[in-house]
Protein backbone atom coordinates (compact mmCIF):
# COMPACT_ATOMS: atom_id res chain seq x y z
CA MET A 1 -13.52 17.73 6.82
CA ALA A 2 -13.66 16.30 10.33
CA HIS A 3 -15.53 18.29 12.96
CA ALA A 4 -15.09 18.71 16.70
CA ASP A 5 -18.54 17.26 17.38
CA GLU A 6 -17.79 13.92 15.70
CA PRO A 7 -18.59 10.92 17.92
CA LYS A 8 -15.81 9.73 20.19
CA VAL A 9 -14.24 6.31 19.67
CA SER A 10 -16.26 4.15 22.05
CA GLY A 11 -18.88 1.48 22.25
CA VAL A 12 -17.67 -0.63 19.31
CA ASP A 13 -18.88 -4.23 19.33
CA ARG A 14 -15.59 -6.14 19.28
CA SER A 15 -17.15 -9.53 18.49
CA ARG A 16 -18.62 -8.81 15.08
CA ARG A 17 -17.80 -11.05 12.12
CA VAL A 18 -18.18 -9.58 8.65
CA LYS A 19 -19.94 -11.50 5.90
CA TYR A 20 -17.86 -11.91 2.75
CA ILE A 21 -19.39 -11.42 -0.67
CA ARG A 22 -17.72 -13.02 -3.68
CA SER A 23 -20.18 -12.40 -6.48
CA ILE A 24 -21.50 -9.22 -8.06
CA ASP A 25 -24.93 -10.90 -8.07
CA GLN A 26 -24.96 -10.57 -4.28
CA VAL A 27 -24.66 -6.77 -4.46
CA THR A 28 -28.34 -6.00 -4.87
CA ASN A 29 -27.81 -2.23 -4.77
CA ILE A 30 -26.49 -2.49 -8.31
CA PRO A 31 -29.26 -2.71 -10.95
CA GLU A 32 -29.49 -6.17 -12.49
CA SER A 33 -28.71 -4.93 -16.01
CA GLU A 34 -25.51 -3.30 -14.77
CA ARG A 35 -24.55 -6.35 -12.71
CA GLU A 36 -24.62 -8.49 -15.86
CA LYS A 37 -22.09 -6.18 -17.52
CA LEU A 38 -19.85 -6.04 -14.47
CA LYS A 39 -19.73 -9.81 -14.17
CA LYS A 40 -17.56 -9.83 -17.30
CA VAL A 41 -15.10 -7.55 -15.52
CA SER A 42 -15.04 -9.71 -12.40
CA GLU A 43 -14.36 -12.77 -14.55
CA ARG A 44 -11.03 -11.18 -15.53
CA TYR A 45 -10.22 -9.30 -12.31
CA VAL A 46 -11.71 -10.97 -9.27
CA PHE A 47 -14.33 -9.28 -7.07
CA ARG A 48 -14.57 -9.68 -3.30
CA ALA A 49 -16.02 -7.46 -0.57
CA ASN A 50 -17.91 -7.72 2.71
CA ASP A 51 -21.12 -6.39 4.20
CA TYR A 52 -19.35 -3.90 6.48
CA TYR A 53 -17.34 -2.25 3.71
CA LEU A 54 -20.20 -2.22 1.21
CA GLY A 55 -22.23 -0.51 3.93
CA LEU A 56 -19.92 2.51 3.69
CA ILE A 57 -21.11 3.24 0.15
CA ASN A 58 -23.64 5.99 -0.55
CA TRP A 59 -25.53 4.19 -3.31
CA ASN A 60 -27.37 7.39 -4.24
CA ASP A 61 -24.09 8.92 -5.37
CA PRO A 62 -22.85 7.41 -8.66
CA ASN A 63 -19.39 8.86 -7.97
CA ASP A 64 -19.14 7.64 -4.40
CA PRO A 65 -15.40 7.07 -3.69
CA ILE A 66 -15.91 3.86 -1.72
CA LYS A 67 -17.97 2.48 -4.58
CA GLN A 68 -15.23 3.44 -7.04
CA LEU A 69 -12.72 1.65 -4.87
CA ILE A 70 -14.50 -1.70 -4.60
CA ILE A 71 -17.09 -2.08 -7.38
CA PRO A 72 -15.86 -3.15 -10.86
CA ARG A 73 -16.02 -0.77 -13.80
CA GLN A 74 -16.34 -1.71 -17.45
CA GLU A 75 -13.34 0.47 -18.34
CA GLU A 76 -11.13 -2.08 -16.57
CA LEU A 77 -11.45 -4.21 -19.69
CA ASN A 78 -9.73 -1.55 -21.82
CA ASP A 79 -6.43 -2.62 -23.36
CA TRP A 80 -4.11 -0.61 -21.12
CA GLY A 81 -1.09 -1.29 -18.92
CA GLN A 82 0.77 -4.44 -17.89
CA LEU A 83 0.01 -6.99 -15.21
CA ASP A 84 3.51 -6.64 -13.73
CA ALA A 85 4.16 -2.96 -14.42
CA SER A 86 7.10 -2.72 -12.01
CA LYS A 87 8.70 -6.00 -13.14
CA GLU A 88 8.54 -7.62 -9.71
CA SER A 89 9.39 -10.90 -11.43
CA GLN A 90 12.91 -9.56 -11.98
CA VAL A 91 13.58 -9.31 -8.23
CA THR A 92 11.95 -12.63 -7.31
CA VAL A 93 14.71 -14.83 -5.88
CA ALA A 94 12.49 -17.76 -4.96
CA ARG A 95 8.78 -18.51 -5.05
CA GLY A 96 7.07 -15.93 -2.86
CA VAL A 97 10.34 -14.10 -2.11
CA GLN A 98 11.28 -10.70 -3.56
CA HIS A 99 14.57 -8.94 -2.81
CA LYS A 100 14.95 -5.55 -4.49
CA TYR A 101 16.69 -3.38 -1.89
CA PRO A 102 19.63 -4.54 0.25
CA HIS A 103 17.94 -4.39 3.64
CA THR A 104 14.38 -5.50 2.80
CA VAL A 105 12.92 -8.82 1.69
CA LEU A 106 9.26 -9.39 0.81
CA LEU A 107 7.51 -12.63 1.69
CA LEU A 108 4.38 -13.04 -0.45
CA CYS A 109 2.75 -15.32 2.07
CA ASN A 110 -0.94 -15.09 1.20
CA GLU A 111 -2.85 -14.93 -2.08
CA VAL A 112 -6.17 -13.56 -0.76
CA CYS A 113 -7.25 -10.08 0.37
CA GLY A 114 -10.14 -9.04 2.59
CA ALA A 115 -11.55 -7.31 -0.48
CA TYR A 116 -10.06 -6.39 -3.82
CA CYS A 117 -9.28 -2.78 -4.65
CA ARG A 118 -10.11 -2.26 -8.30
CA TYR A 119 -6.81 -0.41 -8.87
CA CYS A 120 -4.70 -3.18 -7.32
CA PHE A 121 -1.17 -3.32 -8.76
CA ARG A 122 -0.79 -7.03 -7.93
CA LYS A 123 -4.06 -8.29 -9.38
CA ARG A 124 -2.05 -10.87 -11.31
CA LEU A 125 -1.57 -12.74 -8.01
CA PHE A 126 -5.29 -13.41 -7.80
CA MET A 127 -5.57 -15.00 -11.23
CA ASP A 128 -5.95 -18.76 -11.45
CA GLU A 129 -2.79 -19.29 -13.50
CA ASN A 130 -0.53 -17.35 -11.13
CA ASP A 131 1.74 -19.19 -8.70
CA GLU A 132 3.99 -16.40 -7.37
CA VAL A 133 2.61 -16.66 -3.84
CA THR A 134 3.40 -19.51 -1.50
CA LEU A 135 1.95 -20.37 1.90
CA ASP A 136 5.17 -22.24 2.68
CA VAL A 137 7.63 -19.51 3.63
CA SER A 138 10.42 -21.89 4.72
CA GLU A 139 12.54 -21.17 1.64
CA GLY A 140 12.14 -17.43 2.22
CA LEU A 141 13.09 -17.76 5.87
CA LYS A 142 16.22 -19.71 4.91
CA TYR A 143 17.14 -17.05 2.34
CA ILE A 144 16.70 -14.27 4.92
CA ALA A 145 18.70 -16.11 7.58
CA GLU A 146 21.65 -16.48 5.19
CA ASP A 147 21.84 -12.75 4.34
CA PRO A 148 22.92 -10.63 7.35
CA ALA A 149 22.22 -7.41 5.40
CA VAL A 150 18.47 -8.06 5.65
CA THR A 151 17.13 -6.06 8.58
CA ASN A 152 13.54 -5.65 7.36
CA VAL A 153 11.02 -8.28 6.29
CA LEU A 154 7.68 -7.31 4.78
CA LEU A 155 4.83 -9.81 4.93
CA THR A 156 2.57 -9.11 2.00
CA GLY A 157 0.71 -10.82 -0.81
CA GLY A 158 -2.40 -10.78 -0.65
CA ASP A 159 -3.11 -9.72 2.86
CA PRO A 160 -1.16 -11.44 5.66
CA LEU A 161 -3.84 -10.61 8.24
CA LEU A 162 -6.20 -13.01 6.49
CA MET A 163 -3.88 -15.82 7.52
CA SER A 164 -4.69 -17.67 10.72
CA THR A 165 -3.17 -16.29 13.90
CA ARG A 166 -1.38 -19.61 14.33
CA ARG A 167 0.43 -19.20 11.00
CA LEU A 168 1.29 -15.58 11.73
CA VAL A 169 2.76 -16.57 15.09
CA GLU A 170 4.87 -19.25 13.41
CA ILE A 171 6.28 -16.68 11.00
CA PHE A 172 6.85 -14.07 13.74
CA ASP A 173 8.64 -16.66 15.87
CA ALA A 174 10.86 -17.82 13.01
CA LEU A 175 11.83 -14.25 12.10
CA ARG A 176 12.59 -13.33 15.69
CA LYS A 177 15.07 -16.22 15.77
CA ILE A 178 17.08 -14.51 13.00
CA PRO A 179 19.29 -12.00 14.87
CA HIS A 180 19.76 -9.51 12.02
CA VAL A 181 16.03 -9.10 11.31
CA ARG A 182 15.08 -5.98 13.26
CA ILE A 183 11.75 -4.97 11.72
CA ILE A 184 8.77 -7.07 10.66
CA ARG A 185 6.28 -5.24 8.50
CA ILE A 186 2.74 -6.27 7.71
CA GLY A 187 1.25 -4.74 4.59
CA SER A 188 -2.50 -4.84 5.15
CA LYS A 189 -5.79 -3.19 4.25
CA MET A 190 -7.68 -5.25 6.81
CA PRO A 191 -7.79 -2.28 9.23
CA ALA A 192 -10.04 -0.62 6.62
CA PHE A 193 -11.83 -3.69 5.28
CA ASP A 194 -12.40 -5.56 8.55
CA PRO A 195 -11.37 -3.85 11.83
CA TRP A 196 -12.64 -6.87 13.78
CA ARG A 197 -9.69 -8.95 12.57
CA ILE A 198 -7.70 -7.36 15.39
CA LEU A 199 -10.53 -6.34 17.72
CA ARG A 200 -11.95 -9.82 18.32
CA ASP A 201 -8.67 -11.78 18.30
CA GLU A 202 -6.97 -11.61 21.67
CA ALA A 203 -4.43 -14.22 20.59
CA LEU A 204 -3.29 -11.94 17.76
CA GLN A 205 -3.05 -9.00 20.15
CA GLU A 206 -0.92 -11.11 22.49
CA ALA A 207 1.32 -12.17 19.58
CA PHE A 208 1.96 -8.53 18.71
CA ARG A 209 2.78 -7.74 22.34
CA LYS A 210 5.24 -10.64 22.39
CA TYR A 211 6.99 -10.16 19.06
CA SER A 212 6.93 -6.35 18.74
CA GLN A 213 9.84 -5.72 21.04
CA PRO A 214 11.40 -2.43 22.17
CA ASP A 215 14.33 -2.68 19.75
CA ARG A 216 12.74 -5.04 17.18
CA ARG A 217 9.36 -3.67 16.24
CA ILE A 218 6.45 -4.88 14.18
CA TYR A 219 5.12 -2.22 11.83
CA LEU A 220 1.65 -2.13 10.35
CA MET A 221 1.79 -0.65 6.86
CA ALA A 222 -1.90 0.26 6.80
CA HIS A 223 -3.78 1.17 3.65
CA PHE A 224 -6.50 3.78 4.05
CA ASP A 225 -7.34 5.50 0.77
CA HIS A 226 -10.16 7.84 1.81
CA PRO A 227 -11.22 9.51 5.08
CA ARG A 228 -14.59 7.74 5.02
CA GLU A 229 -12.75 4.48 5.66
CA LEU A 230 -11.72 5.89 9.05
CA THR A 231 -14.91 4.85 10.78
CA GLU A 232 -15.27 4.57 14.54
CA GLU A 233 -14.60 0.84 14.18
CA ALA A 234 -11.50 1.38 12.05
CA VAL A 235 -10.03 3.94 14.46
CA THR A 236 -10.73 1.59 17.37
CA GLY A 237 -8.93 -1.13 15.44
CA LEU A 238 -5.87 1.09 14.95
CA ASP A 239 -5.93 1.86 18.66
CA CYS A 240 -5.88 -1.88 19.33
CA PHE A 241 -2.81 -2.35 17.13
CA ILE A 242 -1.05 0.51 18.91
CA LYS A 243 -1.92 -0.77 22.39
CA SER A 244 -0.59 -4.18 21.31
CA GLY A 245 2.82 -2.63 20.60
CA VAL A 246 2.56 -2.24 16.82
CA ILE A 247 3.88 0.91 15.12
CA CYS A 248 1.33 2.11 12.57
CA VAL A 249 1.88 4.11 9.38
CA ASN A 250 -0.25 4.51 6.27
CA GLN A 251 0.56 4.26 2.59
CA CYS A 252 -1.78 4.54 -0.36
CA PRO A 253 -1.78 5.43 -4.04
CA MET A 254 -3.38 8.47 -5.58
CA ILE A 255 -6.46 7.13 -7.36
CA ALA A 256 -8.72 8.99 -9.77
CA GLY A 257 -12.24 9.30 -8.40
CA ILE A 258 -11.21 8.30 -4.89
CA ASN A 259 -8.59 10.64 -3.42
CA ASP A 260 -7.29 12.82 -6.28
CA ASP A 261 -8.35 15.92 -4.40
CA PRO A 262 -6.22 18.06 -2.04
CA GLY A 263 -9.02 18.43 0.50
CA VAL A 264 -9.60 14.69 0.64
CA LEU A 265 -5.90 13.94 1.13
CA THR A 266 -5.51 16.66 3.75
CA GLU A 267 -8.41 15.27 5.76
CA LEU A 268 -7.14 11.71 5.36
CA TRP A 269 -3.63 12.59 6.54
CA GLN A 270 -4.80 14.70 9.46
CA ARG A 271 -7.21 12.07 10.74
CA LEU A 272 -4.60 9.34 10.33
CA ALA A 273 -2.11 11.39 12.35
CA TRP A 274 -4.72 11.97 15.06
CA ALA A 275 -5.30 8.21 15.21
CA GLY A 276 -1.59 7.44 15.59
CA CYS A 277 -1.13 6.13 12.05
CA PRO A 278 0.63 8.99 10.24
CA PRO A 279 1.03 9.03 6.44
CA TYR A 280 4.19 7.48 5.04
CA TYR A 281 3.99 7.20 1.26
CA LEU A 282 1.64 8.53 -1.39
CA PHE A 283 2.21 6.40 -4.47
CA GLN A 284 1.88 7.34 -8.09
CA GLY A 285 -0.46 4.69 -9.47
CA ARG A 286 1.33 2.00 -11.46
CA PRO A 287 0.30 1.50 -15.09
CA THR A 288 -1.16 -1.89 -14.26
CA ALA A 289 -3.48 -3.71 -16.65
CA GLY A 290 -7.09 -2.75 -15.96
CA ASN A 291 -6.19 0.44 -14.11
CA GLU A 292 -6.84 3.05 -16.79
CA PRO A 293 -9.93 4.54 -15.07
CA TYR A 294 -7.92 5.09 -11.88
CA ALA A 295 -4.82 6.72 -13.39
CA VAL A 296 -3.68 10.25 -12.47
CA PRO A 297 -0.92 11.98 -14.53
CA ILE A 298 2.27 12.83 -12.65
CA VAL A 299 1.95 16.62 -13.02
CA ARG A 300 -1.64 16.67 -11.81
CA GLY A 301 -0.74 14.30 -9.00
CA TRP A 302 2.16 16.51 -7.92
CA ASN A 303 -0.07 19.59 -7.78
CA ILE A 304 -2.65 17.73 -5.71
CA PHE A 305 0.06 16.41 -3.38
CA ARG A 306 1.65 19.85 -3.00
CA GLN A 307 -1.65 21.53 -2.15
CA ALA A 308 -2.61 18.79 0.29
CA ASN A 309 0.71 19.25 2.06
CA LEU A 310 0.23 22.96 2.75
CA THR A 311 -1.91 22.55 5.85
CA GLY A 312 -2.01 20.42 8.97
CA SER A 313 0.59 19.53 11.56
CA GLY A 314 4.00 18.20 10.66
CA LEU A 315 2.91 14.67 11.53
CA ALA A 316 0.16 14.91 8.91
CA ARG A 317 2.59 16.25 6.29
CA ARG A 318 5.18 13.48 6.31
CA PRO A 319 4.39 11.46 3.17
CA ARG A 320 6.72 11.30 0.20
CA TYR A 321 5.16 11.22 -3.25
CA VAL A 322 6.84 8.30 -5.02
CA MET A 323 6.50 5.82 -7.84
CA SER A 324 7.58 2.21 -7.41
CA HIS A 325 9.42 1.81 -10.68
CA GLU A 326 11.21 -1.37 -11.70
CA THR A 327 14.53 0.44 -11.08
CA GLY A 328 13.62 1.69 -7.62
CA LYS A 329 11.40 3.92 -5.56
CA ILE A 330 11.53 7.31 -7.25
CA GLU A 331 10.48 10.42 -5.38
CA ILE A 332 8.64 13.12 -7.32
CA LEU A 333 10.34 16.21 -5.93
CA ALA A 334 8.91 19.11 -7.92
CA VAL A 335 7.35 20.31 -11.15
CA ASP A 336 7.85 23.70 -12.80
CA GLU A 337 6.75 25.15 -16.11
CA GLU A 338 9.32 23.17 -18.08
CA HIS A 339 10.57 20.26 -16.00
CA ILE A 340 9.75 17.37 -13.68
CA TYR A 341 12.36 16.72 -10.98
CA LEU A 342 12.86 13.19 -9.66
CA ARG A 343 15.21 11.47 -7.21
CA TYR A 344 15.85 7.84 -6.36
CA HIS A 345 14.67 7.40 -2.80
CA ARG A 346 15.53 3.71 -2.98
CA ALA A 347 17.29 2.07 -5.91
CA LYS A 348 17.69 -1.43 -7.23
CA GLU A 349 21.23 -0.66 -8.41
CA GLU A 350 23.72 0.88 -6.00
CA SER A 351 24.89 3.34 -8.66
CA ASP A 352 21.41 4.90 -8.73
CA ARG A 353 21.10 5.52 -4.99
CA GLY A 354 20.17 9.14 -4.36
CA ARG A 355 20.49 10.11 -8.02
CA PHE A 356 18.66 13.24 -9.15
CA MET A 357 17.00 13.41 -12.58
CA ILE A 358 15.40 16.13 -14.67
CA TYR A 359 12.79 15.37 -17.33
CA LYS A 360 10.81 17.52 -19.71
CA ARG A 361 7.39 18.37 -18.36
CA ASP A 362 4.65 16.23 -19.88
CA ASP A 363 1.20 16.81 -18.42
CA GLU A 364 -0.14 13.55 -19.85
CA ALA A 365 2.59 11.20 -18.61
CA GLY A 366 1.75 8.91 -15.74
CA TRP A 367 5.03 6.98 -15.37
CA MET A 368 8.73 7.67 -15.65
CA ASP A 369 9.03 5.54 -18.79
CA GLU A 370 6.76 8.03 -20.57
CA LEU A 371 8.99 11.00 -19.76
CA GLU A 372 11.74 12.43 -21.95
CA PRO A 373 15.05 13.45 -20.34
CA VAL A 374 16.09 17.08 -20.76
CA ASN A 375 18.91 15.67 -22.93
CA GLU A 376 20.69 12.36 -23.38
CA ASP A 377 22.95 13.24 -20.46
CA SER A 378 20.14 14.41 -18.21
CA PRO A 379 21.75 15.67 -14.97
CA ARG A 380 22.36 12.75 -12.63
CA PHE A 381 24.21 14.11 -9.66
CA ALA A 382 26.17 11.72 -7.47
CA PRO A 383 24.55 10.45 -4.29
CA SER A 384 25.32 12.26 -1.08
CA PRO A 385 28.19 10.83 1.03
CA LEU A 386 25.70 10.74 3.91
CA LEU A 387 24.13 7.73 2.25
CA ALA A 388 27.14 5.77 3.46
CA LEU A 389 25.70 6.09 6.95
CA ASP A 390 22.55 4.35 5.79
CA GLU A 391 24.66 1.47 4.50
CA ALA A 392 26.67 1.31 7.70
CA PHE A 393 23.63 1.01 9.93
CA GLY A 394 21.61 -1.29 7.71
CA GLY A 395 18.97 1.32 6.87
CA LEU A 396 18.34 4.28 9.13
CA GLU A 397 14.73 4.74 8.11
CA VAL A 398 11.69 2.77 7.19
CA GLY A 399 12.02 4.26 3.73
CA ASP A 400 13.02 1.06 1.93
CA ALA A 401 9.52 -0.35 2.12
CA PRO A 402 8.34 -1.73 -1.17
CA ASP A 403 5.17 -0.56 -2.69
């Protein structure tokens, strides 16, 4: 846990440039014999890291969570899961454009990340044969401009903050010329992987100050998975986003070996709240190909989530525990001795909005598709009339964010 005598956020060198590492052979802390085995994994699921992030690893600890997050494991080659577990292809309306919920459109505008999380649910995007991402977002911008229901646009991929500041400014400017777009979101793990992306770039800071306006904000959907990622440099980076007018929240999945522990999550959420980047979503890990060693069953995940949410201030206890299913974002509400209780927080089909579902408890299941309804007519209570307000105002909360 954090302590009162931890060093204050100060004295960070804002000019540093991290050195990227694209081959397992360059990670000399791994024994050569092991590196040879892991190269086979990285041939299927790409490896990338940098000297700063690798420096967070305690190489004397074989179970170090940062190591588990970034270094390949042979179990990734097990025959398990699907590359597109949530069927994102079904909501792709144009190349690089996904539209699943009425008010939110995703622009997959970059096909590279600062580093690659081993449990990534979009690892298919980084494979040579994949062409879902496009650097040309003009078609997406046209699509958004023609749909006045779209109030939120999420820039994702890949990591948008790896794009040049010039390209980001072009996208910000184009979106701000569309009157009905109120929120621009940036899904990024760069605040954890490379805090200097914001710290050394005054032009990016100025762009945020210009385009994050009092009634039309830019949101950073940050991605910190473990408290050890919240270094002095990372917290200083978050402070820079905030001082540049960006609203910061954090979302992350529950990952075996990394944060599947109530104490770890409690510390993560408290420290994020202290830094002005409160928790937003905790995701149930998708059954994505290669992700078997990182999977946590729903029941175990719920118990971890529930225990983690027993302490801390209200700001640190805001996340919803959800799974991004092909049919919508499904909140895991509760588990008892016999049942698992779920509710559609966001839904692809209007008829599912707010629906409540009861399934038989299965301690091994990791996804809704593996669960058995209580009966064929499992209780599905009608959505609350209050949801009409959400429709009327184009989305009253930031809760329609995709994964």
